[in-house]
Amino acid sequence: KAPIAKKADQVSGIFVPVIIGIALITFIVW
């Protein structure tokens, strides 16, 4: 992988749990 692809993979590693967390916060706030 190129360095930029490695950075993208680092983001993908936390992307899913972050999105799930944001969804839960959105539900609770409303």
ModelCIF file with pLDDT and N, C-alpha, C, O atoms, coordinates in Angstrom:
data_MODEL
#
_entry.id   MODEL 
#
_entity.id                         1 
_entity.type                       polymer 
_entity.pdbx_number_of_molecules   1 
#
_entity_poly.entity_id                      1 
_entity_poly.type                           'polypeptide(L)' 
_entity_poly.nstd_linkage                   no 
_entity_poly.nstd_monomer                   no 
_entity_poly.pdbx_seq_one_letter_code       KAPIAKKADQVSGIFVPVIIGIALITFIVW 
_entity_poly.pdbx_seq_one_letter_code_can   KAPIAKKADQVSGIFVPVIIGIALITFIVW 
_entity_poly.pdbx_strand_id                 A 
#
loop_
_entity_poly_seq.entity_id 
_entity_poly_seq.num 
_entity_poly_seq.mon_id 
_entity_poly_seq.hetero 
1 1  LYS n 
1 2  ALA n 
1 3  PRO n 
1 4  ILE n 
1 5  ALA n 
1 6  LYS n 
1 7  LYS n 
1 8  ALA n 
1 9  ASP n 
1 10 GLN n 
1 11 VAL n 
1 12 SER n 
1 13 GLY n 
1 14 ILE n 
1 15 PHE n 
1 16 VAL n 
1 17 PRO n 
1 18 VAL n 
1 19 ILE n 
1 20 ILE n 
1 21 GLY n 
1 22 ILE n 
1 23 ALA n 
1 24 LEU n 
1 25 ILE n 
1 26 THR n 
1 27 PHE n 
1 28 ILE n 
1 29 VAL n 
1 30 TRP n 
#
_struct_asym.id          A 
_struct_asym.entity_id   1 
#
loop_
_ma_qa_metric.id 
_ma_qa_metric.mode 
_ma_qa_metric.name 
_ma_qa_metric.software_group_id 
_ma_qa_metric.type 
1 global pLDDT . pLDDT 
2 local  pLDDT . pLDDT 
#
_ma_qa_metric_global.metric_id      1 
_ma_qa_metric_global.metric_value   83.50 
_ma_qa_metric_global.model_id       1 
_ma_qa_metric_global.ordinal_id     1 
#
loop_
_ma_qa_metric_local.label_asym_id 
_ma_qa_metric_local.label_comp_id 
_ma_qa_metric_local.label_seq_id 
_ma_qa_metric_local.metric_id 
_ma_qa_metric_local.metric_value 
_ma_qa_metric_local.model_id 
_ma_qa_metric_local.ordinal_id 
A LYS 1  2 66.00 1 1  
A ALA 2  2 68.00 1 2  
A PRO 3  2 74.00 1 3  
A ILE 4  2 75.00 1 4  
A ALA 5  2 70.00 1 5  
A LYS 6  2 70.00 1 6  
A LYS 7  2 77.00 1 7  
A ALA 8  2 71.00 1 8  
A ASP 9  2 66.00 1 9  
A GLN 10 2 72.00 1 10 
A VAL 11 2 78.00 1 11 
A SER 12 2 69.00 1 12 
A GLY 13 2 69.00 1 13 
A ILE 14 2 83.00 1 14 
A PHE 15 2 86.00 1 15 
A VAL 16 2 86.00 1 16 
A PRO 17 2 88.00 1 17 
A VAL 18 2 92.00 1 18 
A ILE 19 2 92.00 1 19 
A ILE 20 2 92.00 1 20 
A GLY 21 2 94.00 1 21 
A ILE 22 2 96.00 1 22 
A ALA 23 2 95.00 1 23 
A LEU 24 2 95.00 1 24 
A ILE 25 2 97.00 1 25 
A THR 26 2 97.00 1 26 
A PHE 27 2 96.00 1 27 
A ILE 28 2 97.00 1 28 
A VAL 29 2 97.00 1 29 
A TRP 30 2 97.00 1 30 
#
loop_
_atom_site.group_PDB 
_atom_site.id 
_atom_site.type_symbol 
_atom_site.label_atom_id 
_atom_site.label_alt_id 
_atom_site.label_comp_id 
_atom_site.label_asym_id 
_atom_site.label_entity_id 
_atom_site.label_seq_id 
_atom_site.pdbx_PDB_ins_code 
_atom_site.Cartn_x 
_atom_site.Cartn_y 
_atom_site.Cartn_z 
_atom_site.occupancy 
_atom_site.B_iso_or_equiv 
_atom_site.pdbx_formal_charge 
_atom_site.auth_seq_id 
_atom_site.auth_comp_id 
_atom_site.auth_asym_id 
_atom_site.auth_atom_id 
_atom_site.pdbx_PDB_model_num 
ATOM 1   N N  . LYS A 1 1  ? 0.825   -1.207 0.000  1.00 66.00 ? 1  LYS A N  1 
ATOM 2   C CA . LYS A 1 1  ? 0.000   0.000  0.000  1.00 66.00 ? 1  LYS A CA 1 
ATOM 3   C C  . LYS A 1 1  ? 0.855   1.252  0.000  1.00 66.00 ? 1  LYS A C  1 
ATOM 4   O O  . LYS A 1 1  ? 1.952   1.290  0.558  1.00 66.00 ? 1  LYS A O  1 
ATOM 5   N N  . ALA A 1 2  ? 0.312   2.282  -0.650 1.00 68.00 ? 2  ALA A N  1 
ATOM 6   C CA . ALA A 1 2  ? 0.932   3.595  -0.580 1.00 68.00 ? 2  ALA A CA 1 
ATOM 7   C C  . ALA A 1 2  ? 0.638   4.201  0.797  1.00 68.00 ? 2  ALA A C  1 
ATOM 8   O O  . ALA A 1 2  ? -0.321  3.788  1.450  1.00 68.00 ? 2  ALA A O  1 
ATOM 9   N N  . PRO A 1 3  ? 1.441   5.170  1.251  1.00 74.00 ? 3  PRO A N  1 
ATOM 10  C CA . PRO A 1 3  ? 1.201   5.786  2.565  1.00 74.00 ? 3  PRO A CA 1 
ATOM 11  C C  . PRO A 1 3  ? -0.209  6.335  2.728  1.00 74.00 ? 3  PRO A C  1 
ATOM 12  O O  . PRO A 1 3  ? -0.790  6.229  3.808  1.00 74.00 ? 3  PRO A O  1 
ATOM 13  N N  . ILE A 1 4  ? -0.773  6.927  1.663  1.00 75.00 ? 4  ILE A N  1 
ATOM 14  C CA . ILE A 1 4  ? -2.117  7.490  1.775  1.00 75.00 ? 4  ILE A CA 1 
ATOM 15  C C  . ILE A 1 4  ? -3.151  6.393  1.978  1.00 75.00 ? 4  ILE A C  1 
ATOM 16  O O  . ILE A 1 4  ? -4.153  6.600  2.663  1.00 75.00 ? 4  ILE A O  1 
ATOM 17  N N  . ALA A 1 5  ? -2.909  5.214  1.379  1.00 70.00 ? 5  ALA A N  1 
ATOM 18  C CA . ALA A 1 5  ? -3.838  4.090  1.564  1.00 70.00 ? 5  ALA A CA 1 
ATOM 19  C C  . ALA A 1 5  ? -3.778  3.576  2.996  1.00 70.00 ? 5  ALA A C  1 
ATOM 20  O O  . ALA A 1 5  ? -4.794  3.156  3.550  1.00 70.00 ? 5  ALA A O  1 
ATOM 21  N N  . LYS A 1 6  ? -2.588  3.609  3.597  1.00 70.00 ? 6  LYS A N  1 
ATOM 22  C CA . LYS A 1 6  ? -2.455  3.184  4.990  1.00 70.00 ? 6  LYS A CA 1 
ATOM 23  C C  . LYS A 1 6  ? -3.209  4.139  5.912  1.00 70.00 ? 6  LYS A C  1 
ATOM 24  O O  . LYS A 1 6  ? -3.813  3.714  6.896  1.00 70.00 ? 6  LYS A O  1 
ATOM 25  N N  . LYS A 1 7  ? -3.170  5.436  5.588  1.00 77.00 ? 7  LYS A N  1 
ATOM 26  C CA . LYS A 1 7  ? -3.920  6.412  6.388  1.00 77.00 ? 7  LYS A CA 1 
ATOM 27  C C  . LYS A 1 7  ? -5.416  6.147  6.279  1.00 77.00 ? 7  LYS A C  1 
ATOM 28  O O  . LYS A 1 7  ? -6.145  6.222  7.268  1.00 77.00 ? 7  LYS A O  1 
ATOM 29  N N  . ALA A 1 8  ? -5.861  5.838  5.069  1.00 71.00 ? 8  ALA A N  1 
ATOM 30  C CA . ALA A 1 8  ? -7.291  5.551  4.866  1.00 71.00 ? 8  ALA A CA 1 
ATOM 31  C C  . ALA A 1 8  ? -7.718  4.332  5.668  1.00 71.00 ? 8  ALA A C  1 
ATOM 32  O O  . ALA A 1 8  ? -8.819  4.309  6.218  1.00 71.00 ? 8  ALA A O  1 
ATOM 33  N N  . ASP A 1 9  ? -6.860  3.318  5.743  1.00 66.00 ? 9  ASP A N  1 
ATOM 34  C CA . ASP A 1 9  ? -7.179  2.116  6.518  1.00 66.00 ? 9  ASP A CA 1 
ATOM 35  C C  . ASP A 1 9  ? -7.243  2.414  8.015  1.00 66.00 ? 9  ASP A C  1 
ATOM 36  O O  . ASP A 1 9  ? -8.040  1.820  8.741  1.00 66.00 ? 9  ASP A O  1 
ATOM 37  N N  . GLN A 1 10 ? -6.388  3.347  8.471  1.00 72.00 ? 10 GLN A N  1 
ATOM 38  C CA . GLN A 1 10 ? -6.440  3.737  9.881  1.00 72.00 ? 10 GLN A CA 1 
ATOM 39  C C  . GLN A 1 10 ? -7.770  4.403  10.208 1.00 72.00 ? 10 GLN A C  1 
ATOM 40  O O  . GLN A 1 10 ? -8.350  4.182  11.271 1.00 72.00 ? 10 GLN A O  1 
ATOM 41  N N  . VAL A 1 11 ? -8.243  5.224  9.270  1.00 78.00 ? 11 VAL A N  1 
ATOM 42  C CA . VAL A 1 11 ? -9.544  5.867  9.456  1.00 78.00 ? 11 VAL A CA 1 
ATOM 43  C C  . VAL A 1 11 ? -10.653 4.827  9.459  1.00 78.00 ? 11 VAL A C  1 
ATOM 44  O O  . VAL A 1 11 ? -11.564 4.889  10.284 1.00 78.00 ? 11 VAL A O  1 
ATOM 45  N N  . SER A 1 12 ? -10.578 3.870  8.537  1.00 69.00 ? 12 SER A N  1 
ATOM 46  C CA . SER A 1 12 ? -11.634 2.852  8.434  1.00 69.00 ? 12 SER A CA 1 
ATOM 47  C C  . SER A 1 12 ? -11.722 2.001  9.693  1.00 69.00 ? 12 SER A C  1 
ATOM 48  O O  . SER A 1 12 ? -12.781 1.467  10.022 1.00 69.00 ? 12 SER A O  1 
ATOM 49  N N  . GLY A 1 13 ? -10.588 1.878  10.398 1.00 69.00 ? 13 GLY A N  1 
ATOM 50  C CA . GLY A 1 13 ? -10.585 1.075  11.611 1.00 69.00 ? 13 GLY A CA 1 
ATOM 51  C C  . GLY A 1 13 ? -11.452 1.650  12.714 1.00 69.00 ? 13 GLY A C  1 
ATOM 52  O O  . GLY A 1 13 ? -11.971 0.910  13.549 1.00 69.00 ? 13 GLY A O  1 
ATOM 53  N N  . ILE A 1 14 ? -11.614 2.984  12.722 1.00 83.00 ? 14 ILE A N  1 
ATOM 54  C CA . ILE A 1 14 ? -12.447 3.620  13.751 1.00 83.00 ? 14 ILE A CA 1 
ATOM 55  C C  . ILE A 1 14 ? -13.750 4.173  13.184 1.00 83.00 ? 14 ILE A C  1 
ATOM 56  O O  . ILE A 1 14 ? -14.623 4.611  13.932 1.00 83.00 ? 14 ILE A O  1 
ATOM 57  N N  . PHE A 1 15 ? -13.875 4.149  11.860 1.00 86.00 ? 15 PHE A N  1 
ATOM 58  C CA . PHE A 1 15 ? -15.052 4.756  11.210 1.00 86.00 ? 15 PHE A CA 1 
ATOM 59  C C  . PHE A 1 15 ? -16.355 4.113  11.668 1.00 86.00 ? 15 PHE A C  1 
ATOM 60  O O  . PHE A 1 15 ? -17.287 4.811  12.066 1.00 86.00 ? 15 PHE A O  1 
ATOM 61  N N  . VAL A 1 16 ? -16.422 2.782  11.615 1.00 86.00 ? 16 VAL A N  1 
ATOM 62  C CA . VAL A 1 16 ? -17.675 2.085  11.922 1.00 86.00 ? 16 VAL A CA 1 
ATOM 63  C C  . VAL A 1 16 ? -18.113 2.303  13.373 1.00 86.00 ? 16 VAL A C  1 
ATOM 64  O O  . VAL A 1 16 ? -19.256 2.700  13.600 1.00 86.00 ? 16 VAL A O  1 
ATOM 65  N N  . PRO A 1 17 ? -17.242 2.056  14.369 1.00 88.00 ? 17 PRO A N  1 
ATOM 66  C CA . PRO A 1 17 ? -17.694 2.298  15.739 1.00 88.00 ? 17 PRO A CA 1 
ATOM 67  C C  . PRO A 1 17 ? -18.058 3.749  16.017 1.00 88.00 ? 17 PRO A C  1 
ATOM 68  O O  . PRO A 1 17 ? -18.956 4.022  16.814 1.00 88.00 ? 17 PRO A O  1 
ATOM 69  N N  . VAL A 1 18 ? -17.365 4.687  15.362 1.00 92.00 ? 18 VAL A N  1 
ATOM 70  C CA . VAL A 1 18 ? -17.696 6.105  15.545 1.00 92.00 ? 18 VAL A CA 1 
ATOM 71  C C  . VAL A 1 18 ? -19.098 6.401  15.008 1.00 92.00 ? 18 VAL A C  1 
ATOM 72  O O  . VAL A 1 18 ? -19.871 7.117  15.645 1.00 92.00 ? 18 VAL A O  1 
ATOM 73  N N  . ILE A 1 19 ? -19.425 5.850  13.835 1.00 92.00 ? 19 ILE A N  1 
ATOM 74  C CA . ILE A 1 19 ? -20.741 6.073  13.240 1.00 92.00 ? 19 ILE A CA 1 
ATOM 75  C C  . ILE A 1 19 ? -21.834 5.474  14.124 1.00 92.00 ? 19 ILE A C  1 
ATOM 76  O O  . ILE A 1 19 ? -22.880 6.093  14.322 1.00 92.00 ? 19 ILE A O  1 
ATOM 77  N N  . ILE A 1 20 ? -21.597 4.276  14.654 1.00 92.00 ? 20 ILE A N  1 
ATOM 78  C CA . ILE A 1 20 ? -22.577 3.650  15.550 1.00 92.00 ? 20 ILE A CA 1 
ATOM 79  C C  . ILE A 1 20 ? -22.776 4.518  16.791 1.00 92.00 ? 20 ILE A C  1 
ATOM 80  O O  . ILE A 1 20 ? -23.900 4.696  17.259 1.00 92.00 ? 20 ILE A O  1 
ATOM 81  N N  . GLY A 1 21 ? -21.677 5.056  17.317 1.00 94.00 ? 21 GLY A N  1 
ATOM 82  C CA . GLY A 1 21 ? -21.770 5.939  18.483 1.00 94.00 ? 21 GLY A CA 1 
ATOM 83  C C  . GLY A 1 21 ? -22.554 7.200  18.193 1.00 94.00 ? 21 GLY A C  1 
ATOM 84  O O  . GLY A 1 21 ? -23.380 7.627  19.001 1.00 94.00 ? 21 GLY A O  1 
ATOM 85  N N  . ILE A 1 22 ? -22.297 7.801  17.035 1.00 96.00 ? 22 ILE A N  1 
ATOM 86  C CA . ILE A 1 22 ? -23.024 9.020  16.658 1.00 96.00 ? 22 ILE A CA 1 
ATOM 87  C C  . ILE A 1 22 ? -24.517 8.738  16.508 1.00 96.00 ? 22 ILE A C  1 
ATOM 88  O O  . ILE A 1 22 ? -25.350 9.556  16.899 1.00 96.00 ? 22 ILE A O  1 
ATOM 89  N N  . ALA A 1 23 ? -24.855 7.569  15.938 1.00 95.00 ? 23 ALA A N  1 
ATOM 90  C CA . ALA A 1 23 ? -26.264 7.199  15.770 1.00 95.00 ? 23 ALA A CA 1 
ATOM 91  C C  . ALA A 1 23 ? -26.961 7.068  17.121 1.00 95.00 ? 23 ALA A C  1 
ATOM 92  O O  . ALA A 1 23 ? -28.092 7.524  17.289 1.00 95.00 ? 23 ALA A O  1 
ATOM 93  N N  . LEU A 1 24 ? -26.283 6.443  18.083 1.00 95.00 ? 24 LEU A N  1 
ATOM 94  C CA . LEU A 1 24 ? -26.867 6.293  19.422 1.00 95.00 ? 24 LEU A CA 1 
ATOM 95  C C  . LEU A 1 24 ? -27.058 7.649  20.094 1.00 95.00 ? 24 LEU A C  1 
ATOM 96  O O  . LEU A 1 24 ? -28.094 7.903  20.708 1.00 95.00 ? 24 LEU A O  1 
ATOM 97  N N  . ILE A 1 25 ? -26.054 8.521  19.975 1.00 97.00 ? 25 ILE A N  1 
ATOM 98  C CA . ILE A 1 25 ? -26.160 9.864  20.558 1.00 97.00 ? 25 ILE A CA 1 
ATOM 99  C C  . ILE A 1 25 ? -27.307 10.637 19.921 1.00 97.00 ? 25 ILE A C  1 
ATOM 100 O O  . ILE A 1 25 ? -28.060 11.330 20.606 1.00 97.00 ? 25 ILE A O  1 
ATOM 101 N N  . THR A 1 26 ? -27.433 10.510 18.590 1.00 97.00 ? 26 THR A N  1 
ATOM 102 C CA . THR A 1 26 ? -28.520 11.196 17.874 1.00 97.00 ? 26 THR A CA 1 
ATOM 103 C C  . THR A 1 26 ? -29.880 10.761 18.409 1.00 97.00 ? 26 THR A C  1 
ATOM 104 O O  . THR A 1 26 ? -30.753 11.591 18.661 1.00 97.00 ? 26 THR A O  1 
ATOM 105 N N  . PHE A 1 27 ? -30.050 9.453  18.577 1.00 96.00 ? 27 PHE A N  1 
ATOM 106 C CA . PHE A 1 27 ? -31.313 8.929  19.098 1.00 96.00 ? 27 PHE A CA 1 
ATOM 107 C C  . PHE A 1 27 ? -31.600 9.460  20.508 1.00 96.00 ? 27 PHE A C  1 
ATOM 108 O O  . PHE A 1 27 ? -32.712 9.902  20.796 1.00 96.00 ? 27 PHE A O  1 
ATOM 109 N N  . ILE A 1 28 ? -30.598 9.414  21.373 1.00 97.00 ? 28 ILE A N  1 
ATOM 110 C CA . ILE A 1 28 ? -30.782 9.845  22.761 1.00 97.00 ? 28 ILE A CA 1 
ATOM 111 C C  . ILE A 1 28 ? -31.109 11.334 22.843 1.00 97.00 ? 28 ILE A C  1 
ATOM 112 O O  . ILE A 1 28 ? -31.992 11.739 23.599 1.00 97.00 ? 28 ILE A O  1 
ATOM 113 N N  . VAL A 1 29 ? -30.388 12.154 22.058 1.00 97.00 ? 29 VAL A N  1 
ATOM 114 C CA . VAL A 1 29 ? -30.606 13.603 22.103 1.00 97.00 ? 29 VAL A CA 1 
ATOM 115 C C  . VAL A 1 29 ? -32.020 13.961 21.661 1.00 97.00 ? 29 VAL A C  1 
ATOM 116 O O  . VAL A 1 29 ? -32.678 14.778 22.305 1.00 97.00 ? 29 VAL A O  1 
ATOM 117 N N  . TRP A 1 30 ? -32.499 13.359 20.563 1.00 97.00 ? 30 TRP A N  1 
ATOM 118 C CA . TRP A 1 30 ? -33.858 13.666 20.096 1.00 97.00 ? 30 TRP A CA 1 
ATOM 119 C C  . TRP A 1 30 ? -34.908 13.201 21.090 1.00 97.00 ? 30 TRP A C  1 
ATOM 120 O O  . TRP A 1 30 ? -36.103 13.380 20.855 1.00 97.00 ? 30 TRP A O  1 
#
